[in-house]
């Protein structure tokens, strides 16, 4: 089994049917890339960290960091 393209999603904690954001809404800026197995997203210091296998453009592994935009 190979790697798969990932999508990170954020949901409203009071209504899990309501999606607040996902990484494909603006793929040029937020695209995840290929998910790394057994590496769940980590929340720390107001940011979300997600390890991925490779970026489509650079073909290198990367750590994606999501946070509030300025």
N, C-alpha and C. Protein backbone atom coordinates (compact mmCIF):
# COMPACT_ATOMS: atom_id res chain seq x y z
N UNK A 1 0.83 -1.18 0.00
CA UNK A 1 0.00 0.00 0.00
C UNK A 1 0.88 1.24 0.00
N UNK A 2 0.61 2.20 -0.87
CA UNK A 2 1.41 3.40 -0.98
C UNK A 2 0.86 4.55 -0.17
N UNK A 3 1.47 5.69 -0.36
CA UNK A 3 1.01 6.89 0.32
C UNK A 3 -0.20 7.46 -0.42
N UNK A 4 -0.95 8.31 0.26
CA UNK A 4 -2.13 8.91 -0.36
C UNK A 4 -2.10 10.42 -0.13
N UNK A 5 -2.72 11.16 -1.04
CA UNK A 5 -2.82 12.61 -0.88
C UNK A 5 -3.73 12.89 0.30
N UNK A 6 -3.34 13.86 1.10
CA UNK A 6 -4.10 14.14 2.31
C UNK A 6 -4.84 15.45 2.27
N UNK A 7 -5.87 15.53 3.10
CA UNK A 7 -6.62 16.76 3.31
C UNK A 7 -6.79 16.91 4.81
N UNK A 8 -6.36 18.04 5.35
CA UNK A 8 -6.55 18.33 6.76
C UNK A 8 -7.83 19.14 6.90
N UNK A 9 -8.69 18.74 7.83
CA UNK A 9 -9.99 19.39 8.01
C UNK A 9 -10.16 19.87 9.44
N UNK A 10 -10.87 20.99 9.60
CA UNK A 10 -11.21 21.52 10.93
C UNK A 10 -12.73 21.60 11.02
N UNK A 11 -13.28 21.11 12.14
CA UNK A 11 -14.72 21.08 12.35
C UNK A 11 -15.11 21.89 13.58
N UNK A 12 -16.34 22.35 13.60
CA UNK A 12 -16.91 23.04 14.75
C UNK A 12 -17.08 22.01 15.87
N UNK A 13 -16.50 22.26 17.04
CA UNK A 13 -16.56 21.31 18.15
C UNK A 13 -17.98 21.09 18.66
N UNK A 14 -18.87 22.06 18.47
CA UNK A 14 -20.25 21.92 18.94
C UNK A 14 -21.17 21.26 17.91
N UNK A 15 -20.74 21.25 16.64
CA UNK A 15 -21.53 20.64 15.57
C UNK A 15 -20.57 20.03 14.55
N UNK A 16 -20.26 18.74 14.72
CA UNK A 16 -19.26 18.09 13.87
C UNK A 16 -19.69 17.95 12.42
N UNK A 17 -20.93 18.27 12.11
CA UNK A 17 -21.36 18.28 10.71
C UNK A 17 -20.90 19.54 10.00
N UNK A 18 -20.47 20.54 10.77
CA UNK A 18 -20.07 21.84 10.21
C UNK A 18 -18.55 21.91 10.05
N UNK A 19 -18.11 21.84 8.80
CA UNK A 19 -16.68 21.97 8.52
C UNK A 19 -16.32 23.45 8.48
N UNK A 20 -15.29 23.84 9.22
CA UNK A 20 -14.87 25.24 9.27
C UNK A 20 -13.83 25.56 8.20
N UNK A 21 -12.97 24.59 7.92
CA UNK A 21 -11.85 24.83 7.00
C UNK A 21 -11.31 23.50 6.54
N UNK A 22 -10.72 23.47 5.33
CA UNK A 22 -9.92 22.31 4.93
C UNK A 22 -8.78 22.78 4.04
N UNK A 23 -7.76 21.96 3.95
CA UNK A 23 -6.53 22.36 3.27
C UNK A 23 -6.66 22.42 1.76
N UNK A 24 -7.81 22.08 1.21
CA UNK A 24 -8.02 22.18 -0.23
C UNK A 24 -8.83 23.42 -0.63
N UNK A 25 -9.24 24.24 0.34
CA UNK A 25 -9.97 25.47 0.01
C UNK A 25 -9.07 26.45 -0.75
N UNK A 26 -7.81 26.49 -0.40
CA UNK A 26 -6.82 27.30 -1.12
C UNK A 26 -5.58 26.42 -1.28
N UNK A 27 -5.60 25.47 -2.23
CA UNK A 27 -4.51 24.50 -2.35
C UNK A 27 -3.15 25.12 -2.68
N UNK A 28 -3.13 26.25 -3.35
CA UNK A 28 -1.84 26.89 -3.65
C UNK A 28 -1.11 27.27 -2.37
N UNK A 29 -1.85 27.60 -1.33
CA UNK A 29 -1.25 28.02 -0.06
C UNK A 29 -1.24 26.90 0.99
N UNK A 30 -2.28 26.07 1.03
CA UNK A 30 -2.51 25.17 2.16
C UNK A 30 -2.38 23.68 1.87
N UNK A 31 -2.06 23.30 0.67
CA UNK A 31 -2.03 21.88 0.28
C UNK A 31 -1.15 21.05 1.22
N UNK A 32 -1.66 19.90 1.63
CA UNK A 32 -0.94 19.01 2.54
C UNK A 32 0.16 18.25 1.83
N UNK A 33 -0.13 17.65 0.70
CA UNK A 33 0.84 16.76 0.05
C UNK A 33 0.47 15.32 0.38
N UNK A 34 1.45 14.46 0.53
CA UNK A 34 1.23 13.04 0.80
C UNK A 34 1.28 12.80 2.31
N UNK A 35 0.22 12.19 2.84
CA UNK A 35 0.15 11.90 4.27
C UNK A 35 1.23 10.91 4.69
N UNK A 36 1.79 11.15 5.86
CA UNK A 36 2.73 10.21 6.47
C UNK A 36 1.94 9.33 7.43
N UNK A 37 2.14 8.01 7.35
CA UNK A 37 1.42 7.07 8.22
C UNK A 37 1.78 7.27 9.68
N UNK A 38 0.81 7.10 10.54
CA UNK A 38 1.00 7.12 11.98
C UNK A 38 1.59 8.43 12.50
N UNK A 39 1.36 9.52 11.79
CA UNK A 39 1.81 10.84 12.21
C UNK A 39 0.61 11.77 12.28
N UNK A 40 -0.13 11.75 13.38
CA UNK A 40 -1.31 12.61 13.47
C UNK A 40 -0.91 14.08 13.58
N UNK A 41 -1.80 14.99 13.21
CA UNK A 41 -1.52 16.42 13.39
C UNK A 41 -1.31 16.72 14.88
N UNK A 42 -0.43 17.67 15.16
CA UNK A 42 -0.14 18.07 16.54
C UNK A 42 -0.48 19.55 16.68
N UNK A 43 -1.19 19.90 17.73
CA UNK A 43 -1.54 21.29 18.01
C UNK A 43 -0.66 21.78 19.16
N UNK A 44 0.05 22.89 18.94
CA UNK A 44 0.90 23.49 19.97
C UNK A 44 1.09 24.97 19.67
N UNK A 45 1.03 25.78 20.70
CA UNK A 45 1.27 27.22 20.58
C UNK A 45 0.39 27.88 19.51
N UNK A 46 -0.85 27.45 19.39
CA UNK A 46 -1.77 28.07 18.45
C UNK A 46 -1.56 27.69 17.00
N UNK A 47 -0.76 26.66 16.74
CA UNK A 47 -0.50 26.22 15.37
C UNK A 47 -0.77 24.72 15.27
N UNK A 48 -0.97 24.23 14.04
CA UNK A 48 -1.14 22.81 13.78
C UNK A 48 0.04 22.36 12.93
N UNK A 49 0.72 21.31 13.38
CA UNK A 49 1.89 20.77 12.69
C UNK A 49 1.53 19.41 12.11
N UNK A 50 1.91 19.18 10.84
CA UNK A 50 1.58 17.94 10.16
C UNK A 50 2.76 17.49 9.31
N UNK A 51 3.27 16.29 9.59
CA UNK A 51 4.37 15.74 8.80
C UNK A 51 3.82 15.12 7.52
N UNK A 52 4.52 15.33 6.41
CA UNK A 52 4.10 14.73 5.14
C UNK A 52 5.31 14.05 4.49
N UNK A 53 5.03 13.15 3.55
CA UNK A 53 6.11 12.44 2.88
C UNK A 53 6.82 13.27 1.84
N UNK A 54 6.08 13.81 0.91
CA UNK A 54 6.77 14.58 -0.13
C UNK A 54 5.87 15.65 -0.69
N UNK A 55 6.51 16.70 -1.10
CA UNK A 55 5.83 17.81 -1.75
C UNK A 55 5.84 17.52 -3.25
N UNK A 56 4.72 17.75 -3.94
CA UNK A 56 4.65 17.46 -5.37
C UNK A 56 5.69 18.23 -6.17
N UNK A 57 5.96 19.46 -5.79
CA UNK A 57 6.88 20.29 -6.56
C UNK A 57 8.34 19.94 -6.29
N UNK A 58 8.71 19.80 -5.03
CA UNK A 58 10.12 19.60 -4.68
C UNK A 58 10.51 18.14 -4.50
N UNK A 59 9.52 17.25 -4.36
CA UNK A 59 9.77 15.83 -4.12
C UNK A 59 10.55 15.58 -2.83
N UNK A 60 10.38 16.48 -1.85
CA UNK A 60 11.06 16.33 -0.56
C UNK A 60 10.03 16.23 0.55
N UNK A 61 10.39 15.52 1.62
CA UNK A 61 9.54 15.45 2.80
C UNK A 61 9.45 16.84 3.41
N UNK A 62 8.34 17.11 4.13
CA UNK A 62 8.21 18.43 4.73
C UNK A 62 7.32 18.39 5.96
N UNK A 63 7.44 19.39 6.76
CA UNK A 63 6.58 19.61 7.91
C UNK A 63 5.72 20.80 7.57
N UNK A 64 4.40 20.59 7.52
CA UNK A 64 3.47 21.66 7.19
C UNK A 64 3.00 22.28 8.50
N UNK A 65 3.01 23.61 8.57
CA UNK A 65 2.58 24.33 9.78
C UNK A 65 1.43 25.25 9.39
N UNK A 66 0.31 25.09 10.07
CA UNK A 66 -0.87 25.93 9.83
C UNK A 66 -1.11 26.81 11.06
N UNK A 67 -1.49 28.05 10.82
CA UNK A 67 -1.82 28.97 11.89
C UNK A 67 -2.67 30.10 11.33
N UNK A 68 -2.99 31.04 12.19
CA UNK A 68 -3.78 32.19 11.74
C UNK A 68 -2.97 33.07 10.80
N UNK A 69 -3.62 33.59 9.79
CA UNK A 69 -2.95 34.50 8.86
C UNK A 69 -2.88 35.89 9.48
N UNK A 70 -1.84 36.64 9.13
CA UNK A 70 -1.71 38.00 9.69
C UNK A 70 -2.81 38.92 9.19
